[in-house]
C-alpha atoms as a PDB file:
ATOM      1  CA  UNK A   1       7.693  22.373   8.269  1.00  0.00           C
ATOM      2  CA  UNK A   2       9.882  22.906   5.219  1.00  0.00           C
ATOM      3  CA  UNK A   3       9.273  20.866   2.074  1.00  0.00           C
ATOM      4  CA  UNK A   4      12.473  18.898   2.524  1.00  0.00           C
ATOM      5  CA  UNK A   5      11.768  18.218   6.212  1.00  0.00           C
ATOM      6  CA  UNK A   6       8.211  17.092   5.414  1.00  0.00           C
ATOM      7  CA  UNK A   7       9.456  14.857   2.611  1.00  0.00           C
ATOM      8  CA  UNK A   8      12.070  13.264   4.882  1.00  0.00           C
ATOM      9  CA  UNK A   9       9.580  12.792   7.729  1.00  0.00           C
ATOM     10  CA  UNK A  10       6.968  11.143   5.514  1.00  0.00           C
ATOM     11  CA  UNK A  11       9.482   8.841   3.874  1.00  0.00           C
ATOM     12  CA  UNK A  12      10.947   7.844   7.243  1.00  0.00           C
ATOM     13  CA  UNK A  13       7.490   7.167   8.664  1.00  0.00           C
ATOM     14  CA  UNK A  14       6.681   4.782   5.810  1.00  0.00           C
ATOM     15  CA  UNK A  15      10.118   3.173   5.956  1.00  0.00           C
ATOM     16  CA  UNK A  16       9.609   2.516   9.672  1.00  0.00           C
ATOM     17  CA  UNK A  17       6.473   0.441   9.068  1.00  0.00           C
ATOM     18  CA  UNK A  18       8.344  -2.545   7.691  1.00  0.00           C
ATOM     19  CA  UNK A  19       6.381  -2.427   4.426  1.00  0.00           C
ATOM     20  CA  UNK A  20       9.538  -2.731   2.329  1.00  0.00           C
ATOM     21  CA  UNK A  21      10.560  -5.922   4.126  1.00  0.00           C
ATOM     22  CA  UNK A  22       7.044  -7.340   3.817  1.00  0.00           C
ATOM     23  CA  UNK A  23       7.012  -6.561   0.112  1.00  0.00           C
ATOM     24  CA  UNK A  24      10.335  -8.334  -0.423  1.00  0.00           C
ATOM     25  CA  UNK A  25       9.117 -11.370   1.526  1.00  0.00           C
ATOM     26  CA  UNK A  26       6.019 -11.552  -0.630  1.00  0.00           C
ATOM     27  CA  UNK A  27       8.221 -11.500  -3.745  1.00  0.00           C
ATOM     28  CA  UNK A  28      10.172 -14.444  -2.330  1.00  0.00           C
ATOM     29  CA  UNK A  29       7.305 -16.767  -1.437  1.00  0.00           C
ATOM     30  CA  UNK A  30       4.142 -15.570  -3.138  1.00  0.00           C
ATOM     31  CA  UNK A  31       2.643 -17.068  -6.260  1.00  0.00           C
ATOM     32  CA  UNK A  32       2.787 -14.772  -9.299  1.00  0.00           C
ATOM     33  CA  UNK A  33      -0.786 -13.457  -9.082  1.00  0.00           C
ATOM     34  CA  UNK A  34      -0.362 -12.586  -5.392  1.00  0.00           C
ATOM     35  CA  UNK A  35       3.006 -10.932  -6.019  1.00  0.00           C
ATOM     36  CA  UNK A  36       1.463  -8.866  -8.807  1.00  0.00           C
ATOM     37  CA  UNK A  37      -1.435  -7.775  -6.598  1.00  0.00           C
ATOM     38  CA  UNK A  38       0.917  -7.068  -3.700  1.00  0.00           C
ATOM     39  CA  UNK A  39       3.136  -4.988  -5.938  1.00  0.00           C
ATOM     40  CA  UNK A  40       0.113  -2.960  -7.049  1.00  0.00           C
ATOM     41  CA  UNK A  41      -0.885  -2.362  -3.424  1.00  0.00           C
ATOM     42  CA  UNK A  42       2.699  -1.397  -2.589  1.00  0.00           C
ATOM     43  CA  UNK A  43       2.793   1.128  -5.437  1.00  0.00           C
ATOM     44  CA  UNK A  44      -0.540   2.565  -4.309  1.00  0.00           C
ATOM     45  CA  UNK A  45       0.970   3.095  -0.854  1.00  0.00           C
ATOM     46  CA  UNK A  46       3.963   4.798  -2.433  1.00  0.00           C
ATOM     47  CA  UNK A  47       1.606   7.130  -4.318  1.00  0.00           C
ATOM     48  CA  UNK A  48       0.062   8.125  -0.982  1.00  0.00           C
ATOM     49  CA  UNK A  49       3.517   8.570   0.533  1.00  0.00           C
ATOM     50  CA  UNK A  50       4.588  10.786  -2.350  1.00  0.00           C
ATOM     51  CA  UNK A  51       1.406  12.865  -2.134  1.00  0.00           C
ATOM     52  CA  UNK A  52       1.888  13.458   1.596  1.00  0.00           C
ATOM     53  CA  UNK A  53       5.540  14.311   0.981  1.00  0.00           C
ATOM     54  CA  UNK A  54       4.366  16.951  -1.536  1.00  0.00           C
ATOM     55  CA  UNK A  55       2.040  18.430   1.071  1.00  0.00           C
ATOM     56  CA  UNK A  56      -1.323  16.786   0.344  1.00  0.00           C
ATOM     57  CA  UNK A  57      -3.231  16.882   3.618  1.00  0.00           C
ATOM     58  CA  UNK A  58      -4.452  13.694   5.261  1.00  0.00           C
ATOM     59  CA  UNK A  59      -8.224  13.516   4.890  1.00  0.00           C
ATOM     60  CA  UNK A  60      -8.322  16.079   2.084  1.00  0.00           C
ATOM     61  CA  UNK A  61     -10.206  15.826  -1.194  1.00  0.00           C
ATOM     62  CA  UNK A  62      -6.866  15.110  -2.897  1.00  0.00           C
ATOM     63  CA  UNK A  63      -6.186  12.292  -0.439  1.00  0.00           C
ATOM     64  CA  UNK A  64      -9.506  10.445  -0.861  1.00  0.00           C
ATOM     65  CA  UNK A  65      -8.961   8.932  -4.341  1.00  0.00           C
ATOM     66  CA  UNK A  66      -5.478   7.764  -3.368  1.00  0.00           C
ATOM     67  CA  UNK A  67      -6.847   6.042  -0.281  1.00  0.00           C
ATOM     68  CA  UNK A  68      -9.639   4.440  -2.318  1.00  0.00           C
ATOM     69  CA  UNK A  69      -7.186   3.073  -4.888  1.00  0.00           C
ATOM     70  CA  UNK A  70      -5.026   1.646  -2.099  1.00  0.00           C
ATOM     71  CA  UNK A  71      -8.086   0.108  -0.423  1.00  0.00           C
ATOM     72  CA  UNK A  72      -9.138  -1.602  -3.657  1.00  0.00           C
ATOM     73  CA  UNK A  73      -5.619  -2.865  -4.330  1.00  0.00           C
ATOM     74  CA  UNK A  74      -5.383  -4.288  -0.814  1.00  0.00           C
ATOM     75  CA  UNK A  75      -8.775  -5.978  -1.148  1.00  0.00           C
ATOM     76  CA  UNK A  76      -7.652  -7.607  -4.403  1.00  0.00           C
ATOM     77  CA  UNK A  77      -4.408  -8.782  -2.826  1.00  0.00           C
ATOM     78  CA  UNK A  78      -6.222 -10.262   0.179  1.00  0.00           C
ATOM     79  CA  UNK A  79      -8.731 -11.989  -2.102  1.00  0.00           C
ATOM     80  CA  UNK A  80      -5.943 -13.601  -4.114  1.00  0.00           C
ATOM     81  CA  UNK A  81      -4.024 -14.574  -0.987  1.00  0.00           C
ATOM     82  CA  UNK A  82      -7.083 -16.257   0.512  1.00  0.00           C
ATOM     83  CA  UNK A  83      -7.734 -18.023  -2.780  1.00  0.00           C
ATOM     84  CA  UNK A  84      -4.127 -19.241  -2.857  1.00  0.00           C
ATOM     85  CA  UNK A  85      -4.491 -20.544   0.693  1.00  0.00           C
ATOM     86  CA  UNK A  86      -7.664 -22.378  -0.288  1.00  0.00           C
ATOM     87  CA  UNK A  87      -9.958 -20.420   1.991  1.00  0.00           C
ATOM     88  CA  UNK A  88     -13.052 -18.575   0.906  1.00  0.00           C
ATOM     89  CA  UNK A  89     -13.712 -14.878   0.871  1.00  0.00           C
ATOM     90  CA  UNK A  90     -14.531 -13.070   4.069  1.00  0.00           C
ATOM     91  CA  UNK A  91     -17.614 -11.460   2.601  1.00  0.00           C
ATOM     92  CA  UNK A  92     -17.131  -8.264   4.586  1.00  0.00           C
ATOM     93  CA  UNK A  93     -15.329  -6.066   2.084  1.00  0.00           C
END
């Protein structure tokens, strides 16, 4: 696959997930700390998207730290969301 075709395919795959719509909805209704955490998680996903578009292989050594950063950002966002909803932590992360 050419670089431009790979870039377009990766970007379209992410766009098709609905993550952009979900991010905008969070900005509309979320409290500031949740929006901030959600924005961080969103940017971590974009870093993964950009790496794949550049040709970083899924499951590679270059991929692992990006996935870990995204995982941590998502865990923080979920923690803050649960706190905002008044429910305790899951205790499984």
